[in-house]
Amino acid sequence: MLYPQSYGAGDDPIFTGLRARACTPSQAEHVVESVTSRTIDLPAGVAFDRLTALRNHERLIPLTTIEAPSRRPRVGDVVVATTAGLIIDTMELVRYEPPASHAVGRATWIKQGPALHGEAEILVTRLSEGACRVDWIERDIRIPGQPLTTRPLTAATGVMTRLALARFDRLVRASTRNRPPRGHPGAPRSHMVR
């Protein structure tokens, strides 16, 4: 699948879009996507590591707990996110490619139920040595067997990803404000898992 270089318009640092498009020119079915993009003041590799360590999402998504391995993710890992003690979102990591030099980092999870089906993807693009763009994409989010839920649930997850990336950005900015030089005994440690 191809993604445009920029999803936003103007100088707005946050953009969330909901759109439907064909998977390939020969397919008649449409994919509903919610795309949230944000520039983050971290090196691409660091941002990718922090965002793909899904245990960090407990700090980013309200009322959510995550059962995930406490190591670097691997293709085949199964992660269970539970929101408000009611919505169980089981996901399998099917693609994991950390960013390398100027290549885009990409992690893709397939939602396997029982509450939600669809796909989630995080893309991290290096902009400079200390900054990157994060694109968080939710595709075809739906309740199994209920196709009419796709558009509203994909839009709702778009709101969630927008809030999560805004919170991630605030945490990053707060950890770098008035920080002593790296290695200094008074330097704060990040609250995000690496």
N, C-alpha and C. Protein backbone atom coordinates (compact mmCIF):
# COMPACT_ATOMS: atom_id res chain seq x y z
N MET A 1 0.84 -1.17 0.00
CA MET A 1 0.00 0.00 0.00
C MET A 1 0.88 1.24 0.00
N LEU A 2 0.45 2.26 -0.69
CA LEU A 2 1.19 3.50 -0.74
C LEU A 2 0.57 4.52 0.19
N TYR A 3 1.41 5.31 0.83
CA TYR A 3 0.93 6.35 1.72
C TYR A 3 1.50 7.67 1.25
N PRO A 4 0.69 8.72 1.26
CA PRO A 4 1.20 10.03 0.87
C PRO A 4 2.28 10.50 1.85
N GLN A 5 3.13 11.41 1.40
CA GLN A 5 4.20 11.93 2.25
C GLN A 5 3.64 12.70 3.43
N SER A 6 2.54 13.38 3.25
CA SER A 6 1.97 14.15 4.34
C SER A 6 0.47 13.98 4.35
N TYR A 7 -0.07 13.75 5.53
CA TYR A 7 -1.52 13.61 5.67
C TYR A 7 -2.16 14.91 6.11
N GLY A 8 -1.35 15.81 6.64
CA GLY A 8 -1.89 17.03 7.22
C GLY A 8 -2.02 18.14 6.20
N ALA A 9 -2.55 19.23 6.64
CA ALA A 9 -2.69 20.40 5.78
C ALA A 9 -2.10 21.59 6.51
N GLY A 10 -1.42 22.47 5.78
CA GLY A 10 -0.87 23.66 6.39
C GLY A 10 0.18 23.34 7.43
N ASP A 11 0.22 24.15 8.46
CA ASP A 11 1.22 23.98 9.51
C ASP A 11 0.68 23.26 10.73
N ASP A 12 -0.51 22.69 10.64
CA ASP A 12 -1.12 22.00 11.77
C ASP A 12 -0.28 20.78 12.13
N PRO A 13 0.28 20.72 13.37
CA PRO A 13 1.14 19.59 13.74
C PRO A 13 0.37 18.30 13.97
N ILE A 14 -0.95 18.39 14.09
CA ILE A 14 -1.75 17.20 14.32
C ILE A 14 -2.79 17.12 13.22
N PHE A 15 -2.94 15.96 12.63
CA PHE A 15 -3.99 15.77 11.64
C PHE A 15 -4.52 14.36 11.77
N THR A 16 -5.82 14.24 11.83
CA THR A 16 -6.44 12.94 11.82
C THR A 16 -7.41 12.93 10.66
N GLY A 17 -7.30 11.94 9.80
CA GLY A 17 -8.20 11.87 8.66
C GLY A 17 -8.87 10.51 8.60
N LEU A 18 -10.10 10.51 8.17
CA LEU A 18 -10.82 9.26 7.94
C LEU A 18 -11.12 9.22 6.47
N ARG A 19 -10.74 8.14 5.82
CA ARG A 19 -10.98 8.05 4.39
C ARG A 19 -11.23 6.61 3.99
N ALA A 20 -11.86 6.46 2.87
CA ALA A 20 -12.06 5.13 2.29
C ALA A 20 -11.33 5.11 0.96
N ARG A 21 -10.65 4.02 0.69
CA ARG A 21 -9.97 3.89 -0.60
C ARG A 21 -9.88 2.43 -0.98
N ALA A 22 -9.71 2.17 -2.24
CA ALA A 22 -9.59 0.79 -2.70
C ALA A 22 -8.24 0.25 -2.31
N CYS A 23 -8.18 -1.05 -1.97
CA CYS A 23 -6.92 -1.69 -1.61
C CYS A 23 -5.97 -1.71 -2.80
N THR A 24 -6.44 -2.12 -3.94
CA THR A 24 -5.69 -2.13 -5.18
C THR A 24 -6.65 -1.68 -6.27
N PRO A 25 -6.16 -1.24 -7.40
CA PRO A 25 -7.07 -0.77 -8.45
C PRO A 25 -8.08 -1.83 -8.89
N SER A 26 -7.74 -3.10 -8.76
CA SER A 26 -8.63 -4.14 -9.26
C SER A 26 -9.70 -4.56 -8.25
N GLN A 27 -9.58 -4.09 -6.99
CA GLN A 27 -10.54 -4.50 -5.97
C GLN A 27 -11.65 -3.47 -5.85
N ALA A 28 -12.87 -3.97 -5.70
CA ALA A 28 -14.01 -3.08 -5.56
C ALA A 28 -14.26 -2.70 -4.11
N GLU A 29 -13.77 -3.53 -3.17
CA GLU A 29 -14.02 -3.23 -1.76
C GLU A 29 -13.17 -2.06 -1.31
N HIS A 30 -13.62 -1.39 -0.27
CA HIS A 30 -12.91 -0.23 0.25
C HIS A 30 -12.39 -0.51 1.65
N VAL A 31 -11.27 0.12 1.93
CA VAL A 31 -10.67 0.06 3.24
C VAL A 31 -10.96 1.39 3.92
N VAL A 32 -11.43 1.35 5.15
CA VAL A 32 -11.67 2.57 5.91
C VAL A 32 -10.48 2.74 6.85
N GLU A 33 -9.83 3.91 6.76
CA GLU A 33 -8.65 4.18 7.57
C GLU A 33 -8.83 5.44 8.39
N SER A 34 -8.22 5.43 9.55
CA SER A 34 -8.05 6.64 10.34
C SER A 34 -6.55 6.83 10.47
N VAL A 35 -6.06 7.99 10.08
CA VAL A 35 -4.62 8.27 10.11
C VAL A 35 -4.36 9.46 11.02
N THR A 36 -3.51 9.26 12.00
CA THR A 36 -3.08 10.35 12.87
C THR A 36 -1.59 10.53 12.66
N SER A 37 -1.17 11.76 12.37
CA SER A 37 0.25 12.06 12.16
C SER A 37 0.69 13.15 13.11
N ARG A 38 1.92 13.00 13.58
CA ARG A 38 2.45 14.01 14.50
C ARG A 38 3.97 14.02 14.41
N THR A 39 4.55 15.20 14.46
CA THR A 39 6.00 15.33 14.53
C THR A 39 6.41 15.24 15.99
N ILE A 40 7.41 14.39 16.25
CA ILE A 40 7.89 14.14 17.62
C ILE A 40 9.37 14.49 17.68
N ASP A 41 9.78 15.20 18.72
CA ASP A 41 11.18 15.59 18.89
C ASP A 41 11.98 14.48 19.56
N LEU A 42 12.13 13.38 18.85
CA LEU A 42 12.96 12.26 19.27
C LEU A 42 13.58 11.66 18.01
N PRO A 43 14.75 11.04 18.13
CA PRO A 43 15.27 10.29 16.99
C PRO A 43 14.27 9.19 16.60
N ALA A 44 14.20 8.89 15.32
CA ALA A 44 13.21 7.92 14.82
C ALA A 44 13.30 6.58 15.54
N GLY A 45 14.50 6.07 15.76
CA GLY A 45 14.65 4.77 16.42
C GLY A 45 14.13 4.76 17.85
N VAL A 46 14.34 5.86 18.57
CA VAL A 46 13.88 5.95 19.95
C VAL A 46 12.35 6.02 19.98
N ALA A 47 11.77 6.86 19.13
CA ALA A 47 10.31 6.97 19.07
C ALA A 47 9.69 5.63 18.69
N PHE A 48 10.27 4.94 17.72
CA PHE A 48 9.76 3.64 17.28
C PHE A 48 9.79 2.64 18.43
N ASP A 49 10.92 2.58 19.14
CA ASP A 49 11.04 1.65 20.27
C ASP A 49 10.00 1.94 21.34
N ARG A 50 9.81 3.20 21.66
CA ARG A 50 8.86 3.55 22.73
C ARG A 50 7.42 3.29 22.32
N LEU A 51 7.08 3.56 21.07
CA LEU A 51 5.69 3.38 20.63
C LEU A 51 5.35 1.92 20.33
N THR A 52 6.33 1.12 19.96
CA THR A 52 6.03 -0.29 19.68
C THR A 52 6.15 -1.17 20.91
N ALA A 53 6.68 -0.63 22.01
CA ALA A 53 6.63 -1.32 23.30
C ALA A 53 5.24 -1.04 23.85
N LEU A 54 4.29 -1.89 23.52
CA LEU A 54 2.88 -1.59 23.78
C LEU A 54 2.54 -1.42 25.25
N ARG A 55 3.38 -1.88 26.14
CA ARG A 55 3.12 -1.62 27.56
C ARG A 55 3.08 -0.13 27.83
N ASN A 56 3.79 0.67 27.03
CA ASN A 56 3.75 2.12 27.17
C ASN A 56 2.37 2.69 26.89
N HIS A 57 1.57 1.98 26.13
CA HIS A 57 0.25 2.49 25.76
C HIS A 57 -0.68 2.62 26.96
N GLU A 58 -0.36 1.95 28.06
CA GLU A 58 -1.15 2.12 29.28
C GLU A 58 -1.08 3.57 29.76
N ARG A 59 0.04 4.25 29.49
CA ARG A 59 0.18 5.67 29.87
C ARG A 59 -0.42 6.58 28.83
N LEU A 60 -0.69 6.07 27.64
CA LEU A 60 -1.17 6.91 26.55
C LEU A 60 -2.68 6.80 26.33
N ILE A 61 -3.26 5.65 26.64
CA ILE A 61 -4.67 5.40 26.37
C ILE A 61 -5.39 5.19 27.70
N PRO A 62 -6.30 6.09 28.05
CA PRO A 62 -6.97 6.01 29.36
C PRO A 62 -7.71 4.68 29.56
N LEU A 63 -7.73 4.22 30.80
CA LEU A 63 -8.48 3.04 31.24
C LEU A 63 -8.06 1.75 30.53
N THR A 64 -6.82 1.71 30.03
CA THR A 64 -6.37 0.55 29.27
C THR A 64 -5.20 -0.12 29.96
N THR A 65 -5.26 -1.46 30.03
CA THR A 65 -4.14 -2.26 30.51
C THR A 65 -3.67 -3.12 29.35
N ILE A 66 -2.39 -3.43 29.35
CA ILE A 66 -1.78 -4.16 28.24
C ILE A 66 -1.03 -5.36 28.78
N GLU A 67 -1.29 -6.52 28.20
CA GLU A 67 -0.49 -7.71 28.46
C GLU A 67 0.40 -7.90 27.24
N ALA A 68 1.70 -7.69 27.42
CA ALA A 68 2.65 -7.78 26.31
C ALA A 68 3.99 -8.28 26.85
N PRO A 69 4.79 -8.89 25.99
CA PRO A 69 6.12 -9.33 26.43
C PRO A 69 6.93 -8.12 26.92
N SER A 70 7.79 -8.34 27.90
CA SER A 70 8.62 -7.25 28.44
C SER A 70 9.99 -7.24 27.77
N ARG A 71 10.00 -7.42 26.49
CA ARG A 71 11.22 -7.38 25.68
C ARG A 71 10.86 -6.67 24.38
N ARG A 72 11.86 -6.50 23.54
CA ARG A 72 11.60 -5.89 22.22
C ARG A 72 10.59 -6.76 21.47
N PRO A 73 9.60 -6.15 20.82
CA PRO A 73 8.58 -6.94 20.10
C PRO A 73 9.19 -7.80 19.00
N ARG A 74 8.50 -8.91 18.72
CA ARG A 74 8.89 -9.82 17.63
C ARG A 74 7.64 -10.19 16.84
N VAL A 75 7.81 -10.41 15.55
CA VAL A 75 6.70 -10.88 14.74
C VAL A 75 6.17 -12.17 15.36
N GLY A 76 4.85 -12.26 15.48
CA GLY A 76 4.21 -13.42 16.11
C GLY A 76 3.77 -13.16 17.54
N ASP A 77 4.29 -12.08 18.16
CA ASP A 77 3.86 -11.74 19.52
C ASP A 77 2.36 -11.47 19.53
N VAL A 78 1.69 -11.94 20.56
CA VAL A 78 0.27 -11.66 20.76
C VAL A 78 0.16 -10.75 21.98
N VAL A 79 -0.57 -9.67 21.81
CA VAL A 79 -0.74 -8.65 22.83
C VAL A 79 -2.23 -8.52 23.12
N VAL A 80 -2.58 -8.35 24.39
CA VAL A 80 -3.99 -8.17 24.76
C VAL A 80 -4.14 -6.83 25.46
N ALA A 81 -4.96 -5.96 24.87
CA ALA A 81 -5.28 -4.66 25.47
C ALA A 81 -6.71 -4.75 26.00
N THR A 82 -6.91 -4.34 27.23
CA THR A 82 -8.25 -4.34 27.82
C THR A 82 -8.57 -2.91 28.24
N THR A 83 -9.66 -2.38 27.70
CA THR A 83 -10.07 -1.01 27.99
C THR A 83 -11.33 -1.03 28.85
N ALA A 84 -11.30 -0.27 29.92
CA ALA A 84 -12.42 -0.13 30.86
C ALA A 84 -12.86 -1.48 31.42
N GLY A 85 -11.98 -2.46 31.40
CA GLY A 85 -12.30 -3.79 31.91
C GLY A 85 -13.30 -4.54 31.06
N LEU A 86 -13.71 -3.96 29.93
CA LEU A 86 -14.77 -4.56 29.10
C LEU A 86 -14.34 -4.92 27.68
N ILE A 87 -13.60 -4.03 27.04
CA ILE A 87 -13.25 -4.24 25.64
C ILE A 87 -11.89 -4.93 25.57
N ILE A 88 -11.91 -6.17 25.09
CA ILE A 88 -10.67 -6.95 24.99
C ILE A 88 -10.24 -6.94 23.52
N ASP A 89 -9.04 -6.43 23.29
CA ASP A 89 -8.51 -6.26 21.94
C ASP A 89 -7.24 -7.10 21.84
N THR A 90 -7.36 -8.29 21.24
CA THR A 90 -6.21 -9.18 21.07
C THR A 90 -5.59 -8.90 19.71
N MET A 91 -4.28 -8.65 19.69
CA MET A 91 -3.58 -8.29 18.46
C MET A 91 -2.33 -9.15 18.28
N GLU A 92 -2.05 -9.50 17.04
CA GLU A 92 -0.82 -10.22 16.71
C GLU A 92 0.07 -9.31 15.88
N LEU A 93 1.34 -9.21 16.27
CA LEU A 93 2.30 -8.43 15.52
C LEU A 93 2.70 -9.22 14.26
N VAL A 94 2.40 -8.67 13.09
CA VAL A 94 2.67 -9.38 11.84
C VAL A 94 3.80 -8.75 11.03
N ARG A 95 4.21 -7.54 11.40
CA ARG A 95 5.32 -6.88 10.70
C ARG A 95 6.03 -5.99 11.70
N TYR A 96 7.37 -6.11 11.74
CA TYR A 96 8.15 -5.31 12.67
C TYR A 96 9.48 -4.96 12.00
N GLU A 97 9.59 -3.71 11.57
CA GLU A 97 10.78 -3.24 10.86
C GLU A 97 11.21 -1.91 11.46
N PRO A 98 12.18 -1.92 12.40
CA PRO A 98 12.66 -0.65 12.97
C PRO A 98 13.25 0.24 11.87
N PRO A 99 13.20 1.56 12.08
CA PRO A 99 13.76 2.46 11.06
C PRO A 99 15.27 2.28 10.96
N ALA A 100 15.77 2.28 9.74
CA ALA A 100 17.21 2.17 9.49
C ALA A 100 17.61 3.30 8.56
N SER A 101 18.58 4.07 8.93
CA SER A 101 19.06 5.28 8.25
C SER A 101 17.86 6.10 7.76
N HIS A 102 17.53 6.06 6.48
CA HIS A 102 16.41 6.87 6.00
C HIS A 102 15.17 6.04 5.70
N ALA A 103 15.18 4.77 6.07
CA ALA A 103 14.00 3.92 5.84
C ALA A 103 12.96 4.18 6.92
N VAL A 104 11.72 3.99 6.55
CA VAL A 104 10.61 4.17 7.48
C VAL A 104 10.49 2.94 8.37
N GLY A 105 10.33 3.16 9.68
CA GLY A 105 10.06 2.06 10.60
C GLY A 105 8.58 1.72 10.52
N ARG A 106 8.26 0.44 10.58
CA ARG A 106 6.87 0.02 10.43
C ARG A 106 6.58 -1.17 11.33
N ALA A 107 5.48 -1.06 12.09
CA ALA A 107 4.99 -2.17 12.90
C ALA A 107 3.50 -2.30 12.63
N THR A 108 3.06 -3.53 12.37
CA THR A 108 1.66 -3.78 12.02
C THR A 108 1.10 -4.89 12.89
N TRP A 109 -0.08 -4.63 13.46
CA TRP A 109 -0.79 -5.62 14.28
C TRP A 109 -2.13 -5.92 13.63
N ILE A 110 -2.52 -7.20 13.65
CA ILE A 110 -3.85 -7.62 13.20
C ILE A 110 -4.69 -7.84 14.45
N LYS A 111 -5.84 -7.17 14.50
CA LYS A 111 -6.76 -7.33 15.64
C LYS A 111 -7.56 -8.60 15.43
N GLN A 112 -7.50 -9.50 16.41
CA GLN A 112 -8.10 -10.83 16.27
C GLN A 112 -9.36 -11.05 17.11
N GLY A 113 -9.85 -10.01 17.76
CA GLY A 113 -11.05 -10.19 18.57
C GLY A 113 -10.68 -10.39 20.03
N PRO A 114 -11.60 -10.74 20.86
CA PRO A 114 -12.98 -11.03 20.51
C PRO A 114 -13.82 -9.78 20.24
N ALA A 115 -13.40 -8.61 20.75
CA ALA A 115 -14.23 -7.43 20.60
C ALA A 115 -14.03 -6.72 19.26
N LEU A 116 -12.80 -6.67 18.77
CA LEU A 116 -12.49 -5.90 17.58
C LEU A 116 -11.70 -6.71 16.56
N HIS A 117 -11.98 -6.44 15.30
CA HIS A 117 -11.17 -6.94 14.18
C HIS A 117 -10.66 -5.73 13.42
N GLY A 118 -9.60 -5.90 12.66
CA GLY A 118 -9.04 -4.83 11.86
C GLY A 118 -7.53 -4.86 11.94
N GLU A 119 -6.93 -3.71 11.71
CA GLU A 119 -5.47 -3.63 11.64
C GLU A 119 -5.02 -2.30 12.23
N ALA A 120 -3.90 -2.32 12.94
CA ALA A 120 -3.27 -1.11 13.45
C ALA A 120 -1.83 -1.09 12.96
N GLU A 121 -1.37 0.10 12.61
CA GLU A 121 -0.01 0.21 12.10
C GLU A 121 0.62 1.51 12.60
N ILE A 122 1.88 1.42 12.98
CA ILE A 122 2.65 2.61 13.38
C ILE A 122 3.82 2.73 12.41
N LEU A 123 3.92 3.91 11.78
CA LEU A 123 5.03 4.23 10.88
C LEU A 123 5.83 5.35 11.51
N VAL A 124 7.15 5.24 11.48
CA VAL A 124 8.01 6.29 12.02
C VAL A 124 9.02 6.67 10.93
N THR A 125 8.98 7.95 10.55
CA THR A 125 9.83 8.46 9.48
C THR A 125 10.81 9.47 10.05
N ARG A 126 12.09 9.28 9.78
CA ARG A 126 13.13 10.20 10.25
C ARG A 126 13.00 11.51 9.50
N LEU A 127 12.95 12.63 10.25
CA LEU A 127 12.93 13.96 9.65
C LEU A 127 14.29 14.63 9.79
N SER A 128 14.94 14.39 10.94
CA SER A 128 16.28 14.90 11.21
C SER A 128 16.88 13.99 12.27
N GLU A 129 18.07 14.32 12.72
CA GLU A 129 18.71 13.48 13.73
C GLU A 129 17.88 13.39 15.01
N GLY A 130 17.18 14.47 15.36
CA GLY A 130 16.45 14.50 16.62
C GLY A 130 14.94 14.62 16.48
N ALA A 131 14.41 14.36 15.29
CA ALA A 131 12.95 14.49 15.10
C ALA A 131 12.46 13.48 14.08
N CYS A 132 11.20 13.11 14.24
CA CYS A 132 10.59 12.15 13.32
C CYS A 132 9.10 12.45 13.18
N ARG A 133 8.49 11.85 12.19
CA ARG A 133 7.04 11.92 12.04
C ARG A 133 6.48 10.54 12.35
N VAL A 134 5.46 10.52 13.19
CA VAL A 134 4.78 9.27 13.52
C VAL A 134 3.42 9.28 12.85
N ASP A 135 3.11 8.23 12.12
CA ASP A 135 1.79 8.02 11.53
C ASP A 135 1.20 6.80 12.20
N TRP A 136 0.07 6.95 12.85
CA TRP A 136 -0.62 5.85 13.51
C TRP A 136 -1.89 5.61 12.72
N ILE A 137 -1.99 4.45 12.14
CA ILE A 137 -3.09 4.13 11.22
C ILE A 137 -3.93 3.01 11.80
N GLU A 138 -5.23 3.21 11.82
CA GLU A 138 -6.18 2.16 12.21
C GLU A 138 -7.01 1.86 10.96
N ARG A 139 -7.09 0.58 10.58
CA ARG A 139 -7.78 0.18 9.34
C ARG A 139 -8.91 -0.78 9.62
N ASP A 140 -10.06 -0.48 9.05
CA ASP A 140 -11.21 -1.39 9.08
C ASP A 140 -11.51 -1.93 10.48
N ILE A 141 -11.57 -1.07 11.46
CA ILE A 141 -11.87 -1.50 12.83
C ILE A 141 -13.37 -1.79 12.90
N ARG A 142 -13.72 -2.98 13.37
CA ARG A 142 -15.13 -3.39 13.38
C ARG A 142 -15.36 -4.45 14.45
N ILE A 143 -16.63 -4.58 14.82
CA ILE A 143 -17.05 -5.68 15.68
C ILE A 143 -17.24 -6.89 14.76
N PRO A 144 -16.67 -8.04 15.09
CA PRO A 144 -16.81 -9.21 14.22
C PRO A 144 -18.28 -9.49 13.88
N GLY A 145 -18.54 -9.68 12.59
CA GLY A 145 -19.89 -10.00 12.13
C GLY A 145 -20.81 -8.80 12.02
N GLN A 146 -20.29 -7.60 12.30
CA GLN A 146 -21.10 -6.38 12.24
C GLN A 146 -20.44 -5.37 11.30
N PRO A 147 -20.57 -5.53 9.97
CA PRO A 147 -19.86 -4.66 9.04
C PRO A 147 -20.27 -3.19 9.13
N LEU A 148 -21.46 -2.89 9.60
CA LEU A 148 -21.88 -1.49 9.69
C LEU A 148 -21.17 -0.73 10.81
N THR A 149 -20.40 -1.45 11.62
CA THR A 149 -19.66 -0.78 12.71
C THR A 149 -18.30 -0.26 12.25
N THR A 150 -17.87 -0.57 11.03
CA THR A 150 -16.52 -0.23 10.58
C THR A 150 -16.26 1.27 10.60
N ARG A 151 -17.09 2.06 9.96
CA ARG A 151 -16.83 3.49 9.87
C ARG A 151 -16.83 4.17 11.25
N PRO A 152 -17.86 3.96 12.09
CA PRO A 152 -17.83 4.65 13.39
C PRO A 152 -16.71 4.17 14.31
N LEU A 153 -16.38 2.88 14.29
CA LEU A 153 -15.31 2.39 15.16
C LEU A 153 -13.94 2.84 14.67
N THR A 154 -13.74 2.89 13.37
CA THR A 154 -12.47 3.37 12.83
C THR A 154 -12.31 4.85 13.18
N ALA A 155 -13.39 5.62 13.08
CA ALA A 155 -13.34 7.03 13.47
C ALA A 155 -13.04 7.17 14.96
N ALA A 156 -13.66 6.35 15.78
CA ALA A 156 -13.43 6.41 17.23
C ALA A 156 -11.98 6.08 17.58
N THR A 157 -11.42 5.09 16.91
CA THR A 157 -10.01 4.76 17.18
C THR A 157 -9.11 5.89 16.70
N GLY A 158 -9.55 6.64 15.68
CA GLY A 158 -8.79 7.81 15.24
C GLY A 158 -8.72 8.87 16.32
N VAL A 159 -9.81 9.08 17.02
CA VAL A 159 -9.81 10.02 18.15
C VAL A 159 -8.85 9.52 19.23
N MET A 160 -8.91 8.22 19.51
CA MET A 160 -8.03 7.63 20.52
C MET A 160 -6.55 7.79 20.13
N THR A 161 -6.21 7.55 18.86
CA THR A 161 -4.80 7.67 18.45
C THR A 161 -4.35 9.12 18.48
N ARG A 162 -5.24 10.04 18.14
CA ARG A 162 -4.88 11.46 18.21
C ARG A 162 -4.55 11.85 19.65
N LEU A 163 -5.37 11.45 20.59
CA LEU A 163 -5.13 11.75 22.00
C LEU A 163 -3.86 11.06 22.50
N ALA A 164 -3.65 9.80 22.08
CA ALA A 164 -2.47 9.05 22.52
C ALA A 164 -1.18 9.69 22.01
N LEU A 165 -1.14 10.09 20.74
CA LEU A 165 0.08 10.72 20.22
C LEU A 165 0.30 12.10 20.84
N ALA A 166 -0.77 12.83 21.11
CA ALA A 166 -0.61 14.13 21.78
C ALA A 166 -0.03 13.92 23.18
N ARG A 167 -0.51 12.91 23.87
CA ARG A 167 0.01 12.62 25.22
C ARG A 167 1.48 12.17 25.13
N PHE A 168 1.79 11.32 24.17
CA PHE A 168 3.17 10.87 23.97
C PHE A 168 4.08 12.09 23.76
N ASP A 169 3.65 13.02 22.90
CA ASP A 169 4.43 14.22 22.62
C ASP A 169 4.62 15.05 23.89
N ARG A 170 3.57 15.20 24.70
CA ARG A 170 3.68 15.95 25.96
C ARG A 170 4.67 15.28 26.91
N LEU A 171 4.64 13.95 27.00
CA LEU A 171 5.58 13.22 27.86
C LEU A 171 7.02 13.42 27.39
N VAL A 172 7.22 13.37 26.08
CA VAL A 172 8.57 13.57 25.53
C VAL A 172 9.04 14.99 25.84
N ARG A 173 8.18 15.98 25.60
CA ARG A 173 8.57 17.37 25.86
C ARG A 173 8.84 17.61 27.35
N ALA A 174 8.02 17.04 28.21
CA ALA A 174 8.20 17.21 29.65
C ALA A 174 9.52 16.58 30.11
N SER A 175 9.90 15.48 29.50
CA SER A 175 11.14 14.80 29.92
C SER A 175 12.38 15.53 29.45
N THR A 176 12.25 16.42 28.47
CA THR A 176 13.42 17.13 27.95
C THR A 176 13.52 18.56 28.45
N ARG A 177 12.47 19.08 29.10
CA ARG A 177 12.49 20.44 29.64
C ARG A 177 13.45 20.54 30.81
N ASN A 178 14.31 21.52 30.78
CA ASN A 178 15.23 21.80 31.90
C ASN A 178 16.00 20.56 32.34
N ARG A 179 16.32 19.69 31.41
CA ARG A 179 17.04 18.46 31.76
C ARG A 179 18.54 18.75 31.81
N PRO A 180 19.20 18.27 32.87
CA PRO A 180 20.67 18.36 32.88
C PRO A 180 21.24 17.55 31.72
N PRO A 181 22.47 17.82 31.34
CA PRO A 181 23.08 17.07 30.23
C PRO A 181 23.03 15.57 30.47
N ARG A 182 22.94 14.80 29.37
CA ARG A 182 22.90 13.34 29.46
C ARG A 182 24.11 12.84 30.24
N GLY A 183 23.87 11.90 31.13
CA GLY A 183 24.94 11.33 31.94
C GLY A 183 25.13 12.04 33.27
N HIS A 184 24.58 13.24 33.40
CA HIS A 184 24.67 13.99 34.65
C HIS A 184 23.85 13.27 35.72
N PRO A 185 24.34 13.16 36.95
CA PRO A 185 23.61 12.42 37.99
C PRO A 185 22.18 12.92 38.23
N GLY A 186 21.91 14.20 37.95
CA GLY A 186 20.57 14.74 38.17
C GLY A 186 19.64 14.59 36.99
N ALA A 187 20.11 13.99 35.90
CA ALA A 187 19.27 13.86 34.71
C ALA A 187 18.10 12.92 34.98
N PRO A 188 16.87 13.37 34.67
CA PRO A 188 15.71 12.50 34.91
C PRO A 188 15.70 11.33 33.95
N ARG A 189 15.09 10.26 34.39
CA ARG A 189 14.93 9.09 33.53
C ARG A 189 13.55 9.16 32.91
N SER A 190 13.45 8.70 31.71
CA SER A 190 12.16 8.71 31.02
C SER A 190 11.22 7.70 31.69
N HIS A 191 9.93 8.03 31.69
CA HIS A 191 8.93 7.13 32.24
C HIS A 191 8.45 6.12 31.21
N MET A 192 8.93 6.26 29.99
CA MET A 192 8.52 5.35 28.92
C MET A 192 9.51 4.20 28.83
N VAL A 193 9.02 3.01 28.58
CA VAL A 193 9.86 1.83 28.42
C VAL A 193 10.65 1.98 27.15
N ARG A 194 11.88 1.53 27.17
CA ARG A 194 12.71 1.64 25.94
C ARG A 194 12.77 0.35 25.21
